[in-house]
Protein backbone atom coordinates (compact mmCIF):
# COMPACT_ATOMS: atom_id res chain seq x y z
CA MET A 1 0.08 -0.36 -0.01
CA PRO A 2 1.20 3.75 -0.93
CA THR A 3 2.15 5.21 2.37
CA SER A 4 4.14 8.81 2.71
CA ILE A 5 5.08 10.95 5.10
CA ILE A 6 5.61 14.82 3.09
CA LYS A 7 7.15 17.55 5.63
CA ILE A 8 5.82 20.77 4.23
CA LYS A 9 7.13 23.95 5.08
CA VAL A 10 5.10 27.17 4.64
CA LYS A 11 6.30 30.82 3.52
CA PRO A 12 6.10 32.69 6.50
CA GLY A 13 2.13 34.23 7.06
CA ARG A 14 0.98 32.02 4.75
CA GLU A 15 -0.18 29.34 7.80
CA ALA A 16 -3.55 30.28 8.29
CA ASP A 17 -3.92 29.77 4.60
CA PHE A 18 -2.55 26.52 3.81
CA GLU A 19 -4.27 24.83 7.24
CA ALA A 20 -7.67 26.66 5.79
CA VAL A 21 -7.35 24.63 2.49
CA LEU A 22 -6.21 21.39 4.45
CA GLN A 23 -9.46 21.94 6.47
CA ARG A 24 -11.03 21.61 2.89
CA LEU A 25 -9.26 18.75 1.27
CA ILE A 26 -8.80 16.59 4.12
CA PRO A 27 -12.46 16.04 4.69
CA ALA A 28 -13.61 16.12 1.11
CA SER A 29 -10.73 13.74 0.42
CA ASN A 30 -11.33 11.41 3.26
CA ALA A 31 -15.25 10.95 2.53
CA ASN A 32 -14.93 10.70 -0.73
CA GLU A 33 -12.36 8.56 -1.57
CA PRO A 34 -12.86 4.80 -0.42
CA GLY A 35 -9.32 3.50 -1.64
CA ILE A 36 -8.20 6.16 1.37
CA LEU A 37 -6.71 4.15 4.21
CA PHE A 38 -5.34 7.54 6.27
CA TYR A 39 -4.83 10.26 5.56
CA GLN A 40 -4.07 13.83 7.79
CA GLY A 41 -2.18 16.94 8.04
CA PHE A 42 -0.23 17.85 11.45
CA ARG A 43 1.48 20.88 12.84
CA THR A 44 4.80 20.17 13.70
CA GLY A 45 6.63 22.01 16.30
CA THR A 46 8.31 24.05 14.09
CA PRO A 47 6.42 27.35 12.74
CA GLY A 48 5.26 26.50 9.13
CA GLU A 49 6.20 22.99 9.10
CA TYR A 50 3.37 20.76 8.37
CA ILE A 51 3.26 16.71 8.36
CA MET A 52 1.01 15.12 5.65
CA LEU A 53 0.77 11.15 6.48
CA GLU A 54 -1.40 9.59 4.17
CA SER A 55 -1.87 5.85 2.86
CA PHE A 56 -3.80 4.65 -0.17
CA LYS A 57 -4.57 0.70 -0.14
CA ASP A 58 -2.74 0.92 -3.60
CA SER A 59 -1.26 2.80 -6.45
CA ASP A 60 -4.87 3.17 -8.60
CA ALA A 61 -6.09 5.00 -5.37
CA HIS A 62 -3.21 7.16 -5.26
CA LYS A 63 -3.80 8.40 -8.44
CA ALA A 64 -7.71 8.78 -8.15
CA HIS A 65 -6.85 11.22 -4.91
CA THR A 66 -4.35 12.87 -7.10
CA ALA A 67 -6.73 13.86 -9.80
CA SER A 68 -10.18 13.81 -7.75
CA PRO A 69 -12.02 16.99 -8.26
CA HIS A 70 -11.23 17.91 -4.42
CA PHE A 71 -7.25 17.75 -5.07
CA GLN A 72 -7.32 19.53 -8.09
CA ALA A 73 -9.89 22.24 -7.37
CA ASN A 74 -6.94 22.86 -3.79
CA ARG A 75 -3.90 22.06 -5.41
CA PRO A 76 -2.59 25.44 -6.56
CA ALA A 77 -3.94 26.96 -3.04
CA LEU A 78 -1.32 24.60 -1.24
CA THR A 79 1.27 25.06 -3.28
CA ASP A 80 1.03 28.71 -3.84
CA CYS A 81 1.91 28.56 0.19
CA PHE A 82 4.88 26.39 -0.18
CA ASP A 83 8.44 27.59 0.87
CA GLY A 84 10.05 25.28 -1.29
CA SER A 85 9.46 21.56 -2.13
CA PRO A 86 8.00 19.06 0.01
CA GLU A 87 10.33 16.08 1.33
CA VAL A 88 8.41 13.01 0.44
CA GLN A 89 9.52 9.69 2.15
CA ARG A 90 7.86 6.93 1.15
CA LEU A 91 7.01 3.77 3.09
CA THR A 92 6.84 0.28 2.45
CA ASP A 93 4.90 -2.56 4.16
CA LEU A 94 7.12 -4.88 6.22
């Protein structure tokens, strides 16, 4: 199952914008995508730093997520808040 830890740094002063987008995207994704096993965002102890944890039942479910209307609609607003590229750590099952 595709599982990732994604570390995102947000531009100073854009934290509220970023969180507002996630507050729309996360519930829409969890409600409308049966292939999601876990999809949640977290603040770290560092200002402007966030972690997304996501796990999908298979690669098709992950592709469906990135192609979903709610993801595509929110993607520009998310990426506009990024301060650099996210760090993605892909995990594999034991």
